[in-house]
PDB file of N, CA and C in Angstrom:
ATOM      1  N   UNK A   1       9.489   7.568 -12.300  1.00  0.00           N
ATOM      2  CA  UNK A   1       8.290   7.805 -12.641  1.00  0.00           C
ATOM      3  C   UNK A   1       7.683   5.799 -12.635  1.00  0.00           C
ATOM      4  N   UNK A   2       7.280   4.648 -11.508  1.00  0.00           N
ATOM      5  CA  UNK A   2       7.509   3.648 -12.351  1.00  0.00           C
ATOM      6  C   UNK A   2       6.078   3.039 -12.271  1.00  0.00           C
ATOM      7  N   UNK A   3       5.783   2.182 -13.033  1.00  0.00           N
ATOM      8  CA  UNK A   3       3.617   2.020 -13.199  1.00  0.00           C
ATOM      9  C   UNK A   3       3.739   0.826 -12.852  1.00  0.00           C
ATOM     10  N   UNK A   4       4.598   0.848 -12.122  1.00  0.00           N
ATOM     11  CA  UNK A   4       4.889  -0.801 -11.683  1.00  0.00           C
ATOM     12  C   UNK A   4       4.185  -1.499  -9.953  1.00  0.00           C
ATOM     13  N   UNK A   5       2.836  -1.925  -9.940  1.00  0.00           N
ATOM     14  CA  UNK A   5       1.647  -2.313  -9.077  1.00  0.00           C
ATOM     15  C   UNK A   5       3.172  -2.789  -7.492  1.00  0.00           C
ATOM     16  N   UNK A   6       3.449  -1.888  -7.113  1.00  0.00           N
ATOM     17  CA  UNK A   6       3.347  -2.402  -5.393  1.00  0.00           C
ATOM     18  C   UNK A   6       2.859  -2.819  -5.097  1.00  0.00           C
ATOM     19  N   UNK A   7       2.831  -4.058  -4.952  1.00  0.00           N
ATOM     20  CA  UNK A   7       1.992  -5.529  -3.997  1.00  0.00           C
ATOM     21  C   UNK A   7       2.949  -5.590  -2.666  1.00  0.00           C
ATOM     22  N   UNK A   8       1.975  -5.687  -1.358  1.00  0.00           N
ATOM     23  CA  UNK A   8       2.203  -6.406  -0.820  1.00  0.00           C
ATOM     24  C   UNK A   8       3.039  -7.602  -1.080  1.00  0.00           C
ATOM     25  N   UNK A   9       2.675  -8.367  -1.234  1.00  0.00           N
ATOM     26  CA  UNK A   9       3.962  -9.540  -1.574  1.00  0.00           C
ATOM     27  C   UNK A   9       5.488  -9.056  -2.039  1.00  0.00           C
ATOM     28  N   UNK A  10       5.530  -7.836  -2.838  1.00  0.00           N
ATOM     29  CA  UNK A  10       6.102  -7.412  -3.651  1.00  0.00           C
ATOM     30  C   UNK A  10       7.724  -6.561  -1.902  1.00  0.00           C
ATOM     31  N   UNK A  11       6.593  -6.098  -1.733  1.00  0.00           N
ATOM     32  CA  UNK A  11       6.895  -4.854  -0.971  1.00  0.00           C
ATOM     33  C   UNK A  11       7.686  -5.716   0.723  1.00  0.00           C
ATOM     34  N   UNK A  12       6.814  -7.151   0.768  1.00  0.00           N
ATOM     35  CA  UNK A  12       7.509  -7.082   2.522  1.00  0.00           C
ATOM     36  C   UNK A  12       7.587  -9.097   1.890  1.00  0.00           C
ATOM     37  N   UNK A  13       8.775  -8.856   1.065  1.00  0.00           N
ATOM     38  CA  UNK A  13       8.335 -11.273   0.510  1.00  0.00           C
ATOM     39  C   UNK A  13       9.006 -11.240   1.833  1.00  0.00           C
ATOM     40  N   UNK A  14       8.327 -12.886   2.402  1.00  0.00           N
ATOM     41  CA  UNK A  14       8.998 -13.713   3.138  1.00  0.00           C
ATOM     42  C   UNK A  14       7.648 -13.212   4.218  1.00  0.00           C
ATOM     43  N   UNK A  15       6.871 -12.053   4.411  1.00  0.00           N
ATOM     44  CA  UNK A  15       6.292 -11.767   5.501  1.00  0.00           C
ATOM     45  C   UNK A  15       4.733 -12.008   5.401  1.00  0.00           C
ATOM     46  N   UNK A  16       4.655 -13.355   4.782  1.00  0.00           N
ATOM     47  CA  UNK A  16       3.088 -13.669   3.662  1.00  0.00           C
ATOM     48  C   UNK A  16       2.841 -14.464   5.585  1.00  0.00           C
ATOM     49  N   UNK A  17       2.820 -14.846   5.621  1.00  0.00           N
ATOM     50  CA  UNK A  17       2.592 -15.451   7.052  1.00  0.00           C
ATOM     51  C   UNK A  17       2.441 -14.307   8.005  1.00  0.00           C
ATOM     52  N   UNK A  18       3.034 -13.977   8.944  1.00  0.00           N
ATOM     53  CA  UNK A  18       2.518 -13.082   9.817  1.00  0.00           C
ATOM     54  C   UNK A  18       1.802 -12.233   8.911  1.00  0.00           C
ATOM     55  N   UNK A  19       1.578 -11.946   8.242  1.00  0.00           N
ATOM     56  CA  UNK A  19       0.390 -10.383   7.135  1.00  0.00           C
ATOM     57  C   UNK A  19      -0.365 -11.512   7.684  1.00  0.00           C
ATOM     58  N   UNK A  20      -0.432 -12.449   7.307  1.00  0.00           N
ATOM     59  CA  UNK A  20      -1.833 -12.799   7.344  1.00  0.00           C
ATOM     60  C   UNK A  20      -2.621 -13.541   8.606  1.00  0.00           C
ATOM     61  N   UNK A  21      -1.801 -13.277   9.711  1.00  0.00           N
ATOM     62  CA  UNK A  21      -2.123 -13.712  11.149  1.00  0.00           C
ATOM     63  C   UNK A  21      -2.634 -12.713  11.685  1.00  0.00           C
ATOM     64  N   UNK A  22      -1.944 -11.436  11.417  1.00  0.00           N
ATOM     65  CA  UNK A  22      -2.119 -10.182  11.765  1.00  0.00           C
ATOM     66  C   UNK A  22      -3.150  -9.755  11.096  1.00  0.00           C
ATOM     67  N   UNK A  23      -3.597  -9.769   9.644  1.00  0.00           N
ATOM     68  CA  UNK A  23      -5.110  -9.324   9.255  1.00  0.00           C
ATOM     69  C   UNK A  23      -6.081 -10.157  10.007  1.00  0.00           C
ATOM     70  N   UNK A  24      -5.963 -11.836  10.488  1.00  0.00           N
ATOM     71  CA  UNK A  24      -6.960 -11.783  10.865  1.00  0.00           C
ATOM     72  C   UNK A  24      -7.386 -11.223  12.867  1.00  0.00           C
ATOM     73  N   UNK A  25      -6.106 -10.944  13.778  1.00  0.00           N
ATOM     74  CA  UNK A  25      -5.974 -11.230  14.302  1.00  0.00           C
ATOM     75  C   UNK A  25      -5.870  -9.167  15.951  1.00  0.00           C
ATOM     76  N   UNK A  26      -6.083  -8.002  13.768  1.00  0.00           N
ATOM     77  CA  UNK A  26      -5.841  -7.261  14.337  1.00  0.00           C
ATOM     78  C   UNK A  26      -6.404  -6.682  13.869  1.00  0.00           C
ATOM     79  N   UNK A  27      -7.596  -5.935  14.218  1.00  0.00           N
ATOM     80  CA  UNK A  27      -8.443  -4.925  13.138  1.00  0.00           C
ATOM     81  C   UNK A  27      -7.998  -3.919  12.688  1.00  0.00           C
ATOM     82  N   UNK A  28      -7.322  -3.198  13.154  1.00  0.00           N
ATOM     83  CA  UNK A  28      -6.449  -2.137  12.480  1.00  0.00           C
ATOM     84  C   UNK A  28      -5.303  -2.670  11.893  1.00  0.00           C
ATOM     85  N   UNK A  29      -4.768  -3.649  11.568  1.00  0.00           N
ATOM     86  CA  UNK A  29      -4.375  -4.108  10.337  1.00  0.00           C
ATOM     87  C   UNK A  29      -4.693  -4.333   9.600  1.00  0.00           C
ATOM     88  N   UNK A  30      -6.005  -4.934  10.115  1.00  0.00           N
ATOM     89  CA  UNK A  30      -6.652  -5.540   8.788  1.00  0.00           C
ATOM     90  C   UNK A  30      -6.974  -4.334   7.449  1.00  0.00           C
ATOM     91  N   UNK A  31      -7.821  -3.151   8.307  1.00  0.00           N
ATOM     92  CA  UNK A  31      -7.689  -1.880   8.134  1.00  0.00           C
ATOM     93  C   UNK A  31      -6.278  -0.866   7.398  1.00  0.00           C
ATOM     94  N   UNK A  32      -5.015  -1.065   7.888  1.00  0.00           N
ATOM     95  CA  UNK A  32      -3.917  -0.590   7.021  1.00  0.00           C
ATOM     96  C   UNK A  32      -4.191  -1.645   5.638  1.00  0.00           C
ATOM     97  N   UNK A  33      -3.867  -2.786   5.777  1.00  0.00           N
ATOM     98  CA  UNK A  33      -3.792  -3.072   4.436  1.00  0.00           C
ATOM     99  C   UNK A  33      -4.625  -2.606   3.193  1.00  0.00           C
ATOM    100  N   UNK A  34      -6.423  -2.847   3.744  1.00  0.00           N
ATOM    101  CA  UNK A  34      -7.740  -2.198   2.643  1.00  0.00           C
ATOM    102  C   UNK A  34      -6.551  -1.540   2.615  1.00  0.00           C
ATOM    103  N   UNK A  35      -6.455  -0.156   3.327  1.00  0.00           N
ATOM    104  CA  UNK A  35      -5.708   1.244   3.562  1.00  0.00           C
ATOM    105  C   UNK A  35      -4.547   1.112   1.982  1.00  0.00           C
ATOM    106  N   UNK A  36      -4.027   0.233   2.228  1.00  0.00           N
ATOM    107  CA  UNK A  36      -2.356   0.137   1.164  1.00  0.00           C
ATOM    108  C   UNK A  36      -3.423  -0.772  -0.445  1.00  0.00           C
ATOM    109  N   UNK A  37      -4.256  -1.513  -0.127  1.00  0.00           N
ATOM    110  CA  UNK A  37      -4.944  -1.940  -1.647  1.00  0.00           C
ATOM    111  C   UNK A  37      -5.767  -0.654  -2.328  1.00  0.00           C
ATOM    112  N   UNK A  38      -6.275  -0.355  -1.591  1.00  0.00           N
ATOM    113  CA  UNK A  38      -6.966   1.060  -2.279  1.00  0.00           C
ATOM    114  C   UNK A  38      -5.855   2.056  -2.878  1.00  0.00           C
ATOM    115  N   UNK A  39      -5.271   2.203  -2.281  1.00  0.00           N
ATOM    116  CA  UNK A  39      -4.789   4.232  -2.228  1.00  0.00           C
ATOM    117  C   UNK A  39      -3.606   2.964  -3.335  1.00  0.00           C
ATOM    118  N   UNK A  40      -3.152   1.930  -4.012  1.00  0.00           N
ATOM    119  CA  UNK A  40      -1.645   1.262  -3.930  1.00  0.00           C
ATOM    120  C   UNK A  40      -2.848   1.532  -5.692  1.00  0.00           C
ATOM    121  N   UNK A  41      -3.404   0.945  -5.816  1.00  0.00           N
ATOM    122  CA  UNK A  41      -4.476   0.970  -7.205  1.00  0.00           C
ATOM    123  C   UNK A  41      -4.385   2.228  -7.909  1.00  0.00           C
ATOM    124  N   UNK A  42      -4.686   3.717  -6.899  1.00  0.00           N
ATOM    125  CA  UNK A  42      -5.079   4.694  -7.672  1.00  0.00           C
ATOM    126  C   UNK A  42      -3.999   5.134  -8.002  1.00  0.00           C
ATOM    127  N   UNK A  43      -2.584   4.948  -7.284  1.00  0.00           N
ATOM    128  CA  UNK A  43      -0.936   5.412  -7.732  1.00  0.00           C
ATOM    129  C   UNK A  43      -1.297   4.801  -9.083  1.00  0.00           C
ATOM    130  N   UNK A  44      -1.713   2.727  -9.811  1.00  0.00           N
ATOM    131  CA  UNK A  44      -0.945   2.527 -10.081  1.00  0.00           C
ATOM    132  C   UNK A  44      -1.879   2.655 -11.212  1.00  0.00           C
ATOM    133  N   UNK A  45      -3.735   3.775 -11.409  1.00  0.00           N
ATOM    134  CA  UNK A  45      -4.258   3.625 -12.480  1.00  0.00           C
ATOM    135  C   UNK A  45      -3.612   4.730 -12.715  1.00  0.00           C
ATOM    136  N   UNK A  46      -3.379   6.438 -11.657  1.00  0.00           N
ATOM    137  CA  UNK A  46      -2.518   7.311 -12.069  1.00  0.00           C
ATOM    138  C   UNK A  46      -1.347   7.398 -12.972  1.00  0.00           C
ATOM    139  N   UNK A  47      -0.047   6.115 -12.280  1.00  0.00           N
ATOM    140  CA  UNK A  47       0.759   5.773 -13.326  1.00  0.00           C
ATOM    141  C   UNK A  47       0.917   5.569 -14.635  1.00  0.00           C
ATOM    142  N   UNK A  48       0.016   4.954 -14.252  1.00  0.00           N
ATOM    143  CA  UNK A  48      -1.046   4.559 -15.950  1.00  0.00           C
ATOM    144  C   UNK A  48      -1.810   4.812 -16.783  1.00  0.00           C
ATOM    145  N   UNK A  49      -2.008   6.269 -17.062  1.00  0.00           N
ATOM    146  CA  UNK A  49      -2.766   7.537 -17.042  1.00  0.00           C
ATOM    147  C   UNK A  49      -4.324   6.601 -17.536  1.00  0.00           C
ATOM    148  N   UNK A  50      -4.149   5.757 -16.740  1.00  0.00           N
ATOM    149  CA  UNK A  50      -5.706   5.539 -17.062  1.00  0.00           C
ATOM    150  C   UNK A  50      -6.829   5.498 -16.361  1.00  0.00           C
ATOM    151  N   UNK A  51      -6.356   6.701 -14.738  1.00  0.00           N
ATOM    152  CA  UNK A  51      -6.942   8.009 -14.039  1.00  0.00           C
ATOM    153  C   UNK A  51      -6.668   9.147 -14.575  1.00  0.00           C
ATOM    154  N   UNK A  52      -7.073   9.836 -14.936  1.00  0.00           N
ATOM    155  CA  UNK A  52      -6.038  11.417 -15.741  1.00  0.00           C
ATOM    156  C   UNK A  52      -6.200  12.254 -13.864  1.00  0.00           C
ATOM    157  N   UNK A  53      -4.675  12.276 -12.747  1.00  0.00           N
ATOM    158  CA  UNK A  53      -4.928  12.950 -12.067  1.00  0.00           C
ATOM    159  C   UNK A  53      -3.570  14.133 -12.531  1.00  0.00           C
ATOM    160  N   UNK A  54      -4.316  14.985 -11.247  1.00  0.00           N
ATOM    161  CA  UNK A  54      -2.782  16.058 -11.864  1.00  0.00           C
ATOM    162  C   UNK A  54      -1.570  15.586 -11.278  1.00  0.00           C
ATOM    163  N   UNK A  55      -0.067  15.611 -11.086  1.00  0.00           N
ATOM    164  CA  UNK A  55       0.707  15.271 -10.907  1.00  0.00           C
ATOM    165  C   UNK A  55       1.018  15.601  -9.457  1.00  0.00           C
ATOM    166  N   UNK A  56       0.505  16.790  -8.375  1.00  0.00           N
ATOM    167  CA  UNK A  56       0.094  17.274  -6.805  1.00  0.00           C
ATOM    168  C   UNK A  56      -0.259  15.277  -6.553  1.00  0.00           C
ATOM    169  N   UNK A  57      -1.417  15.645  -7.926  1.00  0.00           N
ATOM    170  CA  UNK A  57      -2.331  14.567  -6.652  1.00  0.00           C
ATOM    171  C   UNK A  57      -1.612  13.330  -7.011  1.00  0.00           C
ATOM    172  N   UNK A  58      -1.311  13.081  -7.889  1.00  0.00           N
ATOM    173  CA  UNK A  58      -0.638  11.182  -8.352  1.00  0.00           C
ATOM    174  C   UNK A  58       0.376  11.680  -6.739  1.00  0.00           C
ATOM    175  N   UNK A  59       1.283  12.225  -6.879  1.00  0.00           N
ATOM    176  CA  UNK A  59       2.109  12.243  -5.990  1.00  0.00           C
ATOM    177  C   UNK A  59       1.779  12.025  -4.030  1.00  0.00           C
ATOM    178  N   UNK A  60       1.077  13.208  -3.601  1.00  0.00           N
ATOM    179  CA  UNK A  60      -0.096  13.505  -2.844  1.00  0.00           C
ATOM    180  C   UNK A  60      -0.177  11.738  -2.356  1.00  0.00           C
ATOM    181  N   UNK A  61      -0.657  10.525  -3.247  1.00  0.00           N
ATOM    182  CA  UNK A  61      -0.776   9.969  -3.597  1.00  0.00           C
ATOM    183  C   UNK A  61       0.051   8.437  -3.682  1.00  0.00           C
ATOM    184  N   UNK A  62       0.833   8.665  -3.728  1.00  0.00           N
ATOM    185  CA  UNK A  62       2.390   8.426  -3.850  1.00  0.00           C
ATOM    186  C   UNK A  62       2.801   8.655  -1.780  1.00  0.00           C
ATOM    187  N   UNK A  63       2.726   9.657  -1.884  1.00  0.00           N
ATOM    188  CA  UNK A  63       3.073   9.846   0.065  1.00  0.00           C
ATOM    189  C   UNK A  63       2.504   8.909   0.883  1.00  0.00           C
ATOM    190  N   UNK A  64       1.095   9.192   0.602  1.00  0.00           N
ATOM    191  CA  UNK A  64       0.300   8.580   1.313  1.00  0.00           C
ATOM    192  C   UNK A  64       0.523   6.649   0.987  1.00  0.00           C
ATOM    193  N   UNK A  65       0.874   6.535  -0.202  1.00  0.00           N
ATOM    194  CA  UNK A  65       0.929   4.928   0.389  1.00  0.00           C
ATOM    195  C   UNK A  65       1.972   5.172   0.558  1.00  0.00           C
ATOM    196  N   UNK A  66       3.533   5.439   0.848  1.00  0.00           N
ATOM    197  CA  UNK A  66       3.964   4.931   1.848  1.00  0.00           C
ATOM    198  C   UNK A  66       3.920   5.689   2.885  1.00  0.00           C
ATOM    199  N   UNK A  67       2.818   5.978   3.879  1.00  0.00           N
ATOM    200  CA  UNK A  67       2.979   6.630   4.884  1.00  0.00           C
ATOM    201  C   UNK A  67       1.959   4.815   5.408  1.00  0.00           C
ATOM    202  N   UNK A  68       1.046   5.210   4.733  1.00  0.00           N
ATOM    203  CA  UNK A  68       0.721   3.389   4.972  1.00  0.00           C
ATOM    204  C   UNK A  68       1.573   1.950   4.568  1.00  0.00           C
ATOM    205  N   UNK A  69       2.195   2.027   4.249  1.00  0.00           N
ATOM    206  CA  UNK A  69       3.439   1.360   4.202  1.00  0.00           C
ATOM    207  C   UNK A  69       4.593   0.763   5.686  1.00  0.00           C
ATOM    208  N   UNK A  70       4.664   2.159   5.372  1.00  0.00           N
ATOM    209  CA  UNK A  70       5.355   2.278   6.704  1.00  0.00           C
ATOM    210  C   UNK A  70       5.238   1.688   8.158  1.00  0.00           C
ATOM    211  N   UNK A  71       3.515   1.782   7.891  1.00  0.00           N
ATOM    212  CA  UNK A  71       3.126   2.010   9.607  1.00  0.00           C
ATOM    213  C   UNK A  71       2.593   0.032   9.531  1.00  0.00           C
ATOM    214  N   UNK A  72       2.758  -0.181   8.393  1.00  0.00           N
ATOM    215  CA  UNK A  72       3.001  -1.890   8.247  1.00  0.00           C
ATOM    216  C   UNK A  72       4.188  -2.609   8.530  1.00  0.00           C
ATOM    217  N   UNK A  73       5.176  -1.927   8.082  1.00  0.00           N
ATOM    218  CA  UNK A  73       6.271  -2.475   8.865  1.00  0.00           C
ATOM    219  C   UNK A  73       6.387  -2.119  10.019  1.00  0.00           C
ATOM    220  N   UNK A  74       5.544  -1.373  10.730  1.00  0.00           N
ATOM    221  CA  UNK A  74       5.726  -1.288  12.298  1.00  0.00           C
ATOM    222  C   UNK A  74       5.181  -1.893  12.782  1.00  0.00           C
ATOM    223  N   UNK A  75       3.416  -1.854  12.205  1.00  0.00           N
ATOM    224  CA  UNK A  75       3.304  -3.223  12.980  1.00  0.00           C
ATOM    225  C   UNK A  75       3.488  -4.970  12.597  1.00  0.00           C
ATOM    226  N   UNK A  76       5.041  -5.169  11.592  1.00  0.00           N
ATOM    227  CA  UNK A  76       4.867  -6.363  11.719  1.00  0.00           C
ATOM    228  C   UNK A  76       6.230  -6.930  12.582  1.00  0.00           C
ATOM    229  N   UNK A  77       7.497  -4.913  12.435  1.00  0.00           N
ATOM    230  CA  UNK A  77       8.389  -5.404  13.786  1.00  0.00           C
ATOM    231  C   UNK A  77       7.641  -5.401  14.716  1.00  0.00           C
ATOM    232  N   UNK A  78       6.311  -5.123  15.132  1.00  0.00           N
ATOM    233  CA  UNK A  78       6.006  -5.174  16.832  1.00  0.00           C
ATOM    234  C   UNK A  78       6.125  -6.287  17.961  1.00  0.00           C
TER     235      UNK A  78
END
């Protein structure tokens, strides 16, 4: 279990310009970015034990983050 924040810049290096362009032109993509940031913050807080959550909830948050990340990656490839 890592407690390193998984920022979008870390997850998609070299894609900042495309992310910014899509964020401004695609409301669905902008919502995905917001959702990713929100769930990523929850994961980081759980991993660093700032928020006390069960292991099951922490794992569910990680899976949610992965699903959103996959959706972002798909949009970047389109």
